[in-house]
Amino acid sequence: MVTWHEAFQAFLAGCGAFTCVCVAGGWFLKIVKGVRQPAVNVFEKLDNDNKRIKRLEDEIDYISKSISVLMRSNLVILGHLSTNNNVGEMAKMEKEIQEFLINN
């Protein structure tokens, strides 16, 4: 027959074991979260970097197109200055510049 004292000790031992399991589980979850968190941060940073790279590539493309239009217009102006007879090309280039500015 089990005495009251032995039953109480068994109860306390069970409570202690339950507490140990809960604390160990909590630490396990904390460790898993700590290991997983840096990976999430890395993926967020990579996503931000990819967005920034895409934006920079778009800006470089726009600048490249702008430089091309500027260079062609300079050539047309030089041609007009040298021959004083390229009015038709000047009008075409002006229209092209206006379209470029409107579209971009």
N, C-alpha and C. Protein backbone atom coordinates (compact mmCIF):
# COMPACT_ATOMS: atom_id res chain seq x y z
N MET A 1 0.84 -1.17 0.00
CA MET A 1 0.00 0.00 0.00
C MET A 1 0.89 1.25 0.00
N VAL A 2 0.47 2.26 -0.78
CA VAL A 2 1.24 3.48 -0.93
C VAL A 2 0.78 4.46 0.14
N THR A 3 1.76 5.04 0.77
CA THR A 3 1.42 6.00 1.82
C THR A 3 1.19 7.37 1.20
N TRP A 4 0.63 8.23 2.03
CA TRP A 4 0.34 9.59 1.58
C TRP A 4 1.64 10.30 1.23
N HIS A 5 2.66 10.09 1.99
CA HIS A 5 3.96 10.73 1.78
C HIS A 5 4.58 10.28 0.45
N GLU A 6 4.51 8.99 0.15
CA GLU A 6 5.06 8.47 -1.11
C GLU A 6 4.27 8.99 -2.31
N ALA A 7 2.94 9.08 -2.16
CA ALA A 7 2.10 9.59 -3.24
C ALA A 7 2.43 11.06 -3.51
N PHE A 8 2.63 11.82 -2.43
CA PHE A 8 2.97 13.22 -2.58
C PHE A 8 4.33 13.37 -3.25
N GLN A 9 5.30 12.55 -2.89
CA GLN A 9 6.62 12.59 -3.52
C GLN A 9 6.52 12.22 -4.99
N ALA A 10 5.69 11.23 -5.32
CA ALA A 10 5.50 10.85 -6.72
C ALA A 10 4.85 11.99 -7.49
N PHE A 11 3.89 12.68 -6.85
CA PHE A 11 3.24 13.82 -7.48
C PHE A 11 4.24 14.93 -7.75
N LEU A 12 5.08 15.25 -6.75
CA LEU A 12 6.11 16.28 -6.92
C LEU A 12 7.12 15.89 -8.00
N ALA A 13 7.47 14.61 -8.05
CA ALA A 13 8.40 14.14 -9.08
C ALA A 13 7.78 14.30 -10.46
N GLY A 14 6.50 14.00 -10.57
CA GLY A 14 5.79 14.17 -11.85
C GLY A 14 5.73 15.63 -12.27
N CYS A 15 5.43 16.50 -11.28
CA CYS A 15 5.41 17.94 -11.57
C CYS A 15 6.79 18.42 -12.01
N GLY A 16 7.83 17.95 -11.34
CA GLY A 16 9.20 18.32 -11.70
C GLY A 16 9.54 17.85 -13.11
N ALA A 17 9.15 16.62 -13.42
CA ALA A 17 9.43 16.08 -14.77
C ALA A 17 8.67 16.89 -15.82
N PHE A 18 7.40 17.23 -15.54
CA PHE A 18 6.61 18.03 -16.48
C PHE A 18 7.24 19.40 -16.68
N THR A 19 7.72 20.01 -15.60
CA THR A 19 8.36 21.32 -15.68
C THR A 19 9.64 21.22 -16.52
N CYS A 20 10.41 20.17 -16.30
CA CYS A 20 11.65 19.99 -17.08
C CYS A 20 11.34 19.84 -18.57
N VAL A 21 10.31 19.08 -18.88
CA VAL A 21 9.94 18.87 -20.28
C VAL A 21 9.49 20.20 -20.89
N CYS A 22 8.70 20.98 -20.15
CA CYS A 22 8.23 22.27 -20.68
C CYS A 22 9.40 23.24 -20.89
N VAL A 23 10.31 23.31 -19.94
CA VAL A 23 11.45 24.21 -20.07
C VAL A 23 12.34 23.76 -21.24
N ALA A 24 12.58 22.47 -21.34
CA ALA A 24 13.40 21.96 -22.44
C ALA A 24 12.72 22.24 -23.78
N GLY A 25 11.41 22.08 -23.86
CA GLY A 25 10.67 22.37 -25.09
C GLY A 25 10.76 23.85 -25.44
N GLY A 26 10.64 24.70 -24.42
CA GLY A 26 10.75 26.14 -24.66
C GLY A 26 12.12 26.52 -25.18
N TRP A 27 13.15 25.95 -24.58
CA TRP A 27 14.52 26.24 -25.07
C TRP A 27 14.72 25.71 -26.47
N PHE A 28 14.16 24.53 -26.73
CA PHE A 28 14.27 23.96 -28.08
C PHE A 28 13.62 24.89 -29.11
N LEU A 29 12.42 25.38 -28.81
CA LEU A 29 11.74 26.29 -29.73
C LEU A 29 12.52 27.59 -29.90
N LYS A 30 13.10 28.08 -28.81
CA LYS A 30 13.89 29.31 -28.89
C LYS A 30 15.12 29.11 -29.78
N ILE A 31 15.77 27.97 -29.64
CA ILE A 31 16.95 27.67 -30.45
C ILE A 31 16.56 27.54 -31.92
N VAL A 32 15.46 26.83 -32.19
CA VAL A 32 15.01 26.65 -33.58
C VAL A 32 14.67 28.00 -34.19
N LYS A 33 13.98 28.85 -33.42
CA LYS A 33 13.64 30.19 -33.92
C LYS A 33 14.91 31.01 -34.16
N GLY A 34 15.88 30.90 -33.28
CA GLY A 34 17.14 31.63 -33.43
C GLY A 34 17.93 31.18 -34.64
N VAL A 35 17.87 29.90 -34.95
CA VAL A 35 18.58 29.38 -36.12
C VAL A 35 17.85 29.78 -37.39
N ARG A 36 16.53 29.78 -37.34
CA ARG A 36 15.72 30.07 -38.53
C ARG A 36 15.70 31.56 -38.84
N GLN A 37 15.74 32.41 -37.84
CA GLN A 37 15.62 33.85 -38.04
C GLN A 37 16.68 34.44 -38.97
N PRO A 38 17.96 34.09 -38.81
CA PRO A 38 18.96 34.66 -39.74
C PRO A 38 18.69 34.29 -41.20
N ALA A 39 18.18 33.09 -41.43
CA ALA A 39 17.88 32.69 -42.81
C ALA A 39 16.77 33.56 -43.38
N VAL A 40 15.76 33.87 -42.57
CA VAL A 40 14.67 34.73 -43.04
C VAL A 40 15.22 36.13 -43.34
N ASN A 41 16.09 36.64 -42.48
CA ASN A 41 16.68 37.96 -42.71
C ASN A 41 17.50 37.99 -44.00
N VAL A 42 18.23 36.92 -44.26
CA VAL A 42 19.05 36.85 -45.48
C VAL A 42 18.14 36.88 -46.72
N PHE A 43 17.03 36.13 -46.69
CA PHE A 43 16.14 36.11 -47.84
C PHE A 43 15.48 37.47 -48.05
N GLU A 44 15.13 38.16 -46.96
CA GLU A 44 14.56 39.50 -47.09
C GLU A 44 15.59 40.46 -47.69
N LYS A 45 16.83 40.37 -47.25
CA LYS A 45 17.87 41.24 -47.78
C LYS A 45 18.15 40.94 -49.25
N LEU A 46 18.14 39.66 -49.61
CA LEU A 46 18.35 39.29 -51.01
C LEU A 46 17.22 39.82 -51.88
N ASP A 47 16.00 39.74 -51.38
CA ASP A 47 14.86 40.27 -52.13
C ASP A 47 14.99 41.77 -52.32
N ASN A 48 15.39 42.49 -51.27
CA ASN A 48 15.59 43.93 -51.38
C ASN A 48 16.71 44.25 -52.37
N ASP A 49 17.79 43.47 -52.33
CA ASP A 49 18.91 43.68 -53.26
C ASP A 49 18.47 43.44 -54.70
N ASN A 50 17.68 42.40 -54.92
CA ASN A 50 17.20 42.11 -56.27
C ASN A 50 16.32 43.24 -56.80
N LYS A 51 15.47 43.79 -55.93
CA LYS A 51 14.61 44.92 -56.34
C LYS A 51 15.47 46.14 -56.67
N ARG A 52 16.48 46.40 -55.85
CA ARG A 52 17.35 47.55 -56.10
C ARG A 52 18.14 47.37 -57.39
N ILE A 53 18.63 46.17 -57.64
CA ILE A 53 19.38 45.89 -58.88
C ILE A 53 18.47 46.08 -60.09
N LYS A 54 17.24 45.62 -60.01
CA LYS A 54 16.29 45.79 -61.11
C LYS A 54 16.04 47.27 -61.37
N ARG A 55 15.85 48.06 -60.28
CA ARG A 55 15.63 49.49 -60.43
C ARG A 55 16.84 50.17 -61.09
N LEU A 56 18.04 49.79 -60.66
CA LEU A 56 19.25 50.36 -61.24
C LEU A 56 19.41 49.99 -62.70
N GLU A 57 19.07 48.75 -63.05
CA GLU A 57 19.14 48.33 -64.45
C GLU A 57 18.17 49.14 -65.30
N ASP A 58 16.97 49.40 -64.77
CA ASP A 58 15.99 50.22 -65.50
C ASP A 58 16.52 51.64 -65.69
N GLU A 59 17.14 52.19 -64.65
CA GLU A 59 17.69 53.54 -64.76
C GLU A 59 18.83 53.60 -65.78
N ILE A 60 19.68 52.58 -65.78
CA ILE A 60 20.79 52.53 -66.75
C ILE A 60 20.24 52.44 -68.17
N ASP A 61 19.18 51.66 -68.35
CA ASP A 61 18.56 51.53 -69.67
C ASP A 61 18.01 52.89 -70.13
N TYR A 62 17.36 53.61 -69.22
CA TYR A 62 16.82 54.93 -69.55
C TYR A 62 17.95 55.90 -69.90
N ILE A 63 19.01 55.88 -69.11
CA ILE A 63 20.14 56.77 -69.38
C ILE A 63 20.78 56.44 -70.72
N SER A 64 20.89 55.15 -71.02
CA SER A 64 21.47 54.74 -72.30
C SER A 64 20.63 55.25 -73.47
N LYS A 65 19.31 55.13 -73.35
CA LYS A 65 18.44 55.63 -74.41
C LYS A 65 18.55 57.14 -74.53
N SER A 66 18.63 57.83 -73.41
CA SER A 66 18.76 59.29 -73.42
C SER A 66 20.04 59.73 -74.11
N ILE A 67 21.13 59.06 -73.79
CA ILE A 67 22.42 59.40 -74.40
C ILE A 67 22.37 59.17 -75.90
N SER A 68 21.71 58.08 -76.32
CA SER A 68 21.60 57.80 -77.75
C SER A 68 20.85 58.91 -78.47
N VAL A 69 19.73 59.36 -77.89
CA VAL A 69 18.96 60.44 -78.51
C VAL A 69 19.79 61.72 -78.54
N LEU A 70 20.48 62.02 -77.47
CA LEU A 70 21.30 63.23 -77.42
C LEU A 70 22.42 63.20 -78.46
N MET A 71 23.07 62.08 -78.61
CA MET A 71 24.16 61.97 -79.57
C MET A 71 23.66 62.12 -81.00
N ARG A 72 22.53 61.48 -81.30
CA ARG A 72 21.98 61.61 -82.65
C ARG A 72 21.56 63.04 -82.93
N SER A 73 20.98 63.70 -81.92
CA SER A 73 20.57 65.10 -82.13
C SER A 73 21.80 65.99 -82.31
N ASN A 74 22.87 65.72 -81.60
CA ASN A 74 24.10 66.49 -81.79
C ASN A 74 24.66 66.29 -83.20
N LEU A 75 24.58 65.07 -83.70
CA LEU A 75 25.05 64.82 -85.08
C LEU A 75 24.21 65.59 -86.09
N VAL A 76 22.90 65.63 -85.87
CA VAL A 76 22.04 66.37 -86.78
C VAL A 76 22.36 67.85 -86.72
N ILE A 77 22.58 68.38 -85.52
CA ILE A 77 22.93 69.80 -85.37
C ILE A 77 24.26 70.10 -86.06
N LEU A 78 25.24 69.22 -85.87
CA LEU A 78 26.53 69.43 -86.53
C LEU A 78 26.39 69.39 -88.05
N GLY A 79 25.57 68.47 -88.53
CA GLY A 79 25.33 68.40 -89.97
C GLY A 79 24.67 69.66 -90.47
N HIS A 80 23.73 70.20 -89.70
CA HIS A 80 23.07 71.44 -90.11
C HIS A 80 24.04 72.61 -90.09
N LEU A 81 24.88 72.65 -89.07
CA LEU A 81 25.85 73.75 -88.99
C LEU A 81 26.87 73.71 -90.12
N SER A 82 27.25 72.49 -90.51
CA SER A 82 28.28 72.39 -91.55
C SER A 82 27.72 72.65 -92.94
N THR A 83 26.49 72.25 -93.20
CA THR A 83 25.93 72.43 -94.55
C THR A 83 24.88 73.53 -94.59
N ASN A 84 24.30 73.84 -93.44
CA ASN A 84 23.24 74.83 -93.34
C ASN A 84 22.05 74.46 -94.22
N ASN A 85 21.84 73.15 -94.40
CA ASN A 85 20.80 72.71 -95.32
C ASN A 85 20.10 71.44 -94.83
N ASN A 86 20.15 71.13 -93.55
CA ASN A 86 19.53 69.91 -93.04
C ASN A 86 18.27 70.22 -92.23
N VAL A 87 17.43 71.08 -92.74
CA VAL A 87 16.23 71.48 -92.01
C VAL A 87 15.27 70.31 -91.84
N GLY A 88 15.16 69.47 -92.86
CA GLY A 88 14.27 68.30 -92.79
C GLY A 88 14.71 67.32 -91.71
N GLU A 89 16.01 67.06 -91.65
CA GLU A 89 16.53 66.17 -90.61
C GLU A 89 16.36 66.79 -89.23
N MET A 90 16.50 68.10 -89.12
CA MET A 90 16.32 68.80 -87.85
C MET A 90 14.88 68.62 -87.36
N ALA A 91 13.92 68.73 -88.28
CA ALA A 91 12.51 68.58 -87.91
C ALA A 91 12.23 67.15 -87.46
N LYS A 92 12.80 66.16 -88.19
CA LYS A 92 12.62 64.76 -87.79
C LYS A 92 13.20 64.50 -86.40
N MET A 93 14.39 65.04 -86.15
CA MET A 93 15.04 64.83 -84.86
C MET A 93 14.26 65.51 -83.75
N GLU A 94 13.71 66.68 -84.03
CA GLU A 94 12.91 67.38 -83.02
C GLU A 94 11.69 66.55 -82.66
N LYS A 95 11.05 65.96 -83.66
CA LYS A 95 9.88 65.11 -83.41
C LYS A 95 10.28 63.87 -82.59
N GLU A 96 11.43 63.29 -82.93
CA GLU A 96 11.90 62.11 -82.21
C GLU A 96 12.20 62.45 -80.74
N ILE A 97 12.81 63.60 -80.51
CA ILE A 97 13.11 64.03 -79.14
C ILE A 97 11.81 64.26 -78.36
N GLN A 98 10.83 64.90 -79.01
CA GLN A 98 9.55 65.12 -78.34
C GLN A 98 8.88 63.81 -77.98
N GLU A 99 8.89 62.84 -78.89
CA GLU A 99 8.30 61.53 -78.61
C GLU A 99 9.04 60.82 -77.47
N PHE A 100 10.36 60.94 -77.46
CA PHE A 100 11.14 60.32 -76.40
C PHE A 100 10.79 60.93 -75.04
N LEU A 101 10.69 62.24 -75.01
CA LEU A 101 10.37 62.90 -73.73
C LEU A 101 8.94 62.59 -73.28
N ILE A 102 8.03 62.48 -74.21
CA ILE A 102 6.66 62.16 -73.85
C ILE A 102 6.54 60.72 -73.35
N ASN A 103 7.21 59.80 -74.02
CA ASN A 103 7.12 58.38 -73.67
C ASN A 103 7.90 58.03 -72.39
N ASN A 104 8.91 58.80 -72.08
CA ASN A 104 9.73 58.48 -70.91
C ASN A 104 9.56 59.54 -69.85
